[in-house]
N, C-alpha and C. Protein backbone atom coordinates (compact mmCIF):
# COMPACT_ATOMS: atom_id res chain seq x y z
N MET A 1 -10.89 -12.90 9.45
CA MET A 1 -9.71 -11.97 9.80
C MET A 1 -8.93 -11.71 8.44
N LYS A 2 -8.67 -12.80 7.68
CA LYS A 2 -7.95 -12.66 6.39
C LYS A 2 -8.64 -11.69 5.44
N LYS A 3 -9.98 -11.97 5.38
CA LYS A 3 -10.88 -11.09 4.56
C LYS A 3 -10.74 -9.69 4.96
N MET A 4 -10.76 -9.39 6.18
CA MET A 4 -10.69 -7.99 6.76
C MET A 4 -9.37 -7.39 6.37
N LEU A 5 -8.32 -8.14 6.51
CA LEU A 5 -6.90 -7.71 6.22
C LEU A 5 -6.74 -7.40 4.78
N THR A 6 -7.18 -8.21 3.91
CA THR A 6 -7.18 -8.07 2.46
C THR A 6 -7.97 -6.80 2.14
N ILE A 7 -9.07 -6.58 2.65
CA ILE A 7 -9.93 -5.41 2.26
C ILE A 7 -9.25 -4.15 2.74
N GLY A 8 -8.61 -4.21 3.93
CA GLY A 8 -7.82 -3.10 4.41
C GLY A 8 -6.58 -2.77 3.66
N LEU A 9 -5.92 -3.79 3.21
CA LEU A 9 -4.80 -3.48 2.30
C LEU A 9 -5.21 -3.04 1.00
N VAL A 10 -6.27 -3.49 0.33
CA VAL A 10 -6.77 -2.97 -0.92
C VAL A 10 -7.18 -1.47 -0.85
N MET A 11 -7.87 -1.26 0.24
CA MET A 11 -8.20 0.29 0.53
C MET A 11 -7.03 1.22 0.76
N MET A 12 -6.03 0.65 1.41
CA MET A 12 -4.79 1.45 1.46
C MET A 12 -4.03 1.75 0.18
N LEU A 13 -4.11 0.82 -0.79
CA LEU A 13 -3.43 0.90 -1.91
C LEU A 13 -4.23 2.05 -2.77
N CYS A 14 -5.55 1.75 -2.79
CA CYS A 14 -6.34 2.71 -3.46
C CYS A 14 -6.20 4.20 -2.99
N ALA A 15 -6.31 4.30 -1.70
CA ALA A 15 -6.16 5.77 -1.05
C ALA A 15 -4.64 6.24 -1.51
N GLY A 16 -3.67 5.39 -1.37
CA GLY A 16 -2.36 5.77 -1.61
C GLY A 16 -2.16 6.23 -3.13
N ALA A 17 -2.84 5.60 -4.04
CA ALA A 17 -2.67 5.83 -5.47
C ALA A 17 -3.27 7.20 -5.75
N PHE A 18 -4.45 7.54 -5.05
CA PHE A 18 -5.16 8.80 -5.41
C PHE A 18 -4.59 10.01 -4.64
N GLY A 19 -3.91 9.81 -3.52
CA GLY A 19 -3.51 10.88 -2.66
C GLY A 19 -2.13 11.25 -2.77
N CYS A 20 -1.29 10.92 -3.62
CA CYS A 20 0.03 11.18 -3.85
C CYS A 20 0.53 12.28 -4.59
N THR A 21 -0.49 13.11 -5.15
CA THR A 21 -0.26 14.18 -6.05
C THR A 21 0.33 15.31 -5.43
N ASN A 22 0.03 15.75 -4.31
CA ASN A 22 0.74 16.87 -3.65
C ASN A 22 1.86 16.45 -2.52
N MET A 23 2.30 15.41 -2.82
CA MET A 23 3.36 14.86 -1.79
C MET A 23 4.73 15.12 -2.28
N SER A 24 5.77 15.16 -1.43
CA SER A 24 7.13 15.18 -1.94
C SER A 24 7.52 13.91 -2.27
N LYS A 25 8.65 13.86 -2.78
CA LYS A 25 9.19 12.56 -3.25
C LYS A 25 9.37 11.63 -1.99
N THR A 26 9.78 12.16 -0.97
CA THR A 26 10.10 11.43 0.26
C THR A 26 8.80 10.76 0.76
N GLN A 27 7.69 11.59 0.80
CA GLN A 27 6.50 11.15 1.33
C GLN A 27 5.85 10.13 0.44
N GLN A 28 6.13 10.32 -0.93
CA GLN A 28 5.46 9.35 -1.97
C GLN A 28 6.38 7.97 -1.76
N GLY A 29 7.60 8.12 -1.42
CA GLY A 29 8.46 6.92 -1.19
C GLY A 29 7.90 6.14 -0.06
N VAL A 30 7.73 6.78 1.10
CA VAL A 30 7.20 6.18 2.29
C VAL A 30 5.81 5.52 2.14
N ALA A 31 4.94 6.27 1.52
CA ALA A 31 3.67 5.66 1.34
C ALA A 31 3.69 4.47 0.42
N SER A 32 4.32 4.49 -0.71
CA SER A 32 4.42 3.48 -1.66
C SER A 32 5.20 2.40 -0.98
N GLY A 33 6.29 2.49 -0.38
CA GLY A 33 7.03 1.46 0.27
C GLY A 33 6.18 0.78 1.25
N ALA A 34 5.50 1.54 2.09
CA ALA A 34 4.68 0.81 3.12
C ALA A 34 3.58 -0.02 2.54
N ALA A 35 3.03 0.43 1.64
CA ALA A 35 1.93 -0.39 0.89
C ALA A 35 2.58 -1.65 0.24
N ILE A 36 3.56 -1.41 -0.55
CA ILE A 36 4.16 -2.68 -1.19
C ILE A 36 4.77 -3.61 -0.18
N GLY A 37 5.47 -3.07 0.73
CA GLY A 37 6.02 -3.90 1.87
C GLY A 37 4.92 -4.63 2.66
N ALA A 38 3.82 -4.02 2.91
CA ALA A 38 2.70 -4.65 3.86
C ALA A 38 2.15 -5.81 2.94
N LEU A 39 1.95 -5.62 1.67
CA LEU A 39 1.46 -6.65 0.78
C LEU A 39 2.24 -7.84 0.70
N GLY A 40 3.66 -7.42 0.44
CA GLY A 40 4.74 -8.47 0.41
C GLY A 40 4.82 -9.25 1.61
N GLY A 41 4.89 -8.53 2.81
CA GLY A 41 5.01 -9.15 4.20
C GLY A 41 3.83 -10.07 4.42
N ALA A 42 2.54 -9.69 4.10
CA ALA A 42 1.44 -10.48 4.35
C ALA A 42 1.52 -11.76 3.45
N GLY A 43 1.84 -11.63 2.29
CA GLY A 43 1.99 -12.68 1.39
C GLY A 43 3.00 -13.80 1.73
N ILE A 44 4.20 -13.24 2.15
CA ILE A 44 5.43 -14.13 2.55
C ILE A 44 4.90 -14.93 3.83
N ALA A 45 4.23 -14.11 4.80
CA ALA A 45 3.94 -14.78 6.05
C ALA A 45 2.81 -15.77 5.84
N THR A 46 1.87 -15.52 5.06
CA THR A 46 0.77 -16.42 4.69
C THR A 46 1.38 -17.68 4.05
N ILE A 47 2.24 -17.59 3.19
CA ILE A 47 2.87 -18.82 2.43
C ILE A 47 3.57 -19.57 3.41
N SER A 48 4.38 -18.88 4.18
CA SER A 48 5.24 -19.61 5.18
C SER A 48 4.41 -20.04 6.46
N GLY A 49 3.21 -19.92 6.47
CA GLY A 49 2.42 -20.44 7.62
C GLY A 49 2.33 -19.57 8.83
N GLY A 50 2.73 -18.27 8.76
CA GLY A 50 2.77 -17.40 9.95
C GLY A 50 1.45 -16.52 9.85
N SER A 51 1.51 -15.52 10.68
CA SER A 51 0.33 -14.53 10.74
C SER A 51 0.55 -13.52 9.69
N ALA A 52 -0.59 -13.36 8.86
CA ALA A 52 -0.57 -12.46 7.85
C ALA A 52 -0.54 -11.00 8.36
N GLY A 53 -1.16 -10.78 9.57
CA GLY A 53 -1.15 -9.42 10.17
C GLY A 53 0.23 -8.95 10.56
N TRP A 54 1.03 -9.87 11.31
CA TRP A 54 2.37 -9.52 11.65
C TRP A 54 3.22 -9.32 10.42
N GLY A 55 3.16 -10.17 9.52
CA GLY A 55 3.90 -10.13 8.25
C GLY A 55 3.67 -8.71 7.61
N ALA A 56 2.32 -8.32 7.50
CA ALA A 56 2.06 -7.06 6.91
C ALA A 56 2.66 -5.89 7.73
N LEU A 57 2.47 -5.99 9.10
CA LEU A 57 3.19 -4.97 9.83
C LEU A 57 4.67 -4.87 9.73
N ALA A 58 5.33 -5.97 9.59
CA ALA A 58 6.80 -5.94 9.57
C ALA A 58 7.28 -5.51 8.20
N GLY A 59 6.51 -5.95 7.18
CA GLY A 59 6.75 -5.51 5.72
C GLY A 59 6.45 -4.16 5.53
N GLY A 60 5.42 -3.63 6.14
CA GLY A 60 5.04 -2.18 6.02
C GLY A 60 6.07 -1.24 6.57
N ALA A 61 6.61 -1.72 7.68
CA ALA A 61 7.61 -0.91 8.40
C ALA A 61 8.93 -0.86 7.59
N ALA A 62 9.31 -1.99 7.12
CA ALA A 62 10.50 -2.18 6.28
C ALA A 62 10.41 -1.44 5.00
N GLY A 63 9.21 -1.52 4.46
CA GLY A 63 8.99 -0.82 3.15
C GLY A 63 8.87 0.60 3.32
N ALA A 64 8.30 1.18 4.35
CA ALA A 64 8.27 2.57 4.69
C ALA A 64 9.62 3.13 4.78
N LEU A 65 10.49 2.41 5.56
CA LEU A 65 11.84 2.87 5.76
C LEU A 65 12.61 2.99 4.45
N ALA A 66 12.50 1.86 3.71
CA ALA A 66 13.30 1.74 2.42
C ALA A 66 12.73 2.83 1.45
N GLY A 67 11.42 2.97 1.35
CA GLY A 67 10.81 3.98 0.53
C GLY A 67 11.27 5.35 0.91
N GLY A 68 11.25 5.76 2.23
CA GLY A 68 11.61 7.13 2.64
C GLY A 68 13.02 7.39 2.31
N ILE A 69 13.93 6.33 2.44
CA ILE A 69 15.33 6.68 2.05
C ILE A 69 15.57 6.85 0.59
N ILE A 70 14.80 5.84 -0.23
CA ILE A 70 15.00 6.15 -1.67
C ILE A 70 14.32 7.43 -2.12
N GLY A 71 13.16 7.79 -1.59
CA GLY A 71 12.52 9.08 -2.05
C GLY A 71 13.29 10.21 -1.58
N ASN A 72 13.91 10.20 -0.35
CA ASN A 72 14.62 11.38 0.05
C ASN A 72 15.82 11.55 -0.75
N SER A 73 16.53 10.39 -1.12
CA SER A 73 17.70 10.45 -2.12
C SER A 73 17.25 11.12 -3.49
N GLN A 74 16.09 10.76 -4.03
CA GLN A 74 15.55 11.26 -5.24
C GLN A 74 15.29 12.80 -5.07
N GLU A 75 14.73 13.27 -3.95
CA GLU A 75 14.23 14.55 -3.81
C GLU A 75 15.55 15.41 -3.65
N GLY A 76 16.75 14.88 -2.96
CA GLY A 76 17.84 15.66 -2.86
C GLY A 76 18.52 15.86 -4.11
N ARG A 77 18.59 14.67 -4.88
CA ARG A 77 19.10 14.91 -6.20
C ARG A 77 18.39 15.80 -7.09
N HIS A 78 17.06 15.90 -6.95
CA HIS A 78 16.28 16.87 -7.80
C HIS A 78 16.57 18.41 -7.52
N HIS A 79 16.69 18.62 -6.28
CA HIS A 79 17.05 20.02 -5.85
C HIS A 79 18.40 20.40 -6.26
N TYR A 80 19.40 19.45 -6.23
CA TYR A 80 20.74 19.70 -6.56
C TYR A 80 20.94 20.20 -8.01
N TYR A 81 20.14 19.54 -9.03
CA TYR A 81 20.38 20.00 -10.42
C TYR A 81 19.32 21.11 -10.73
N ARG A 82 18.60 21.52 -9.96
CA ARG A 82 17.81 22.66 -10.41
C ARG A 82 18.43 23.84 -10.69
């Protein structure tokens, strides 16, 4: 199970790195935040003895939310100064 989770997370990171060229700042923030949050959540859950899957799910959701907020903020600032 851990091997499949690791492979899935690595594939998500690779797909996210190559697929962000035509995205808005908000979309890039959501994708990056979800990937980073999922990795961080899985790592913290594994270290603390919990389920890596649930940690990745919680971390990915929190990362996507934070990344979306930050990306939207950057996007709004970009349009303002244009």
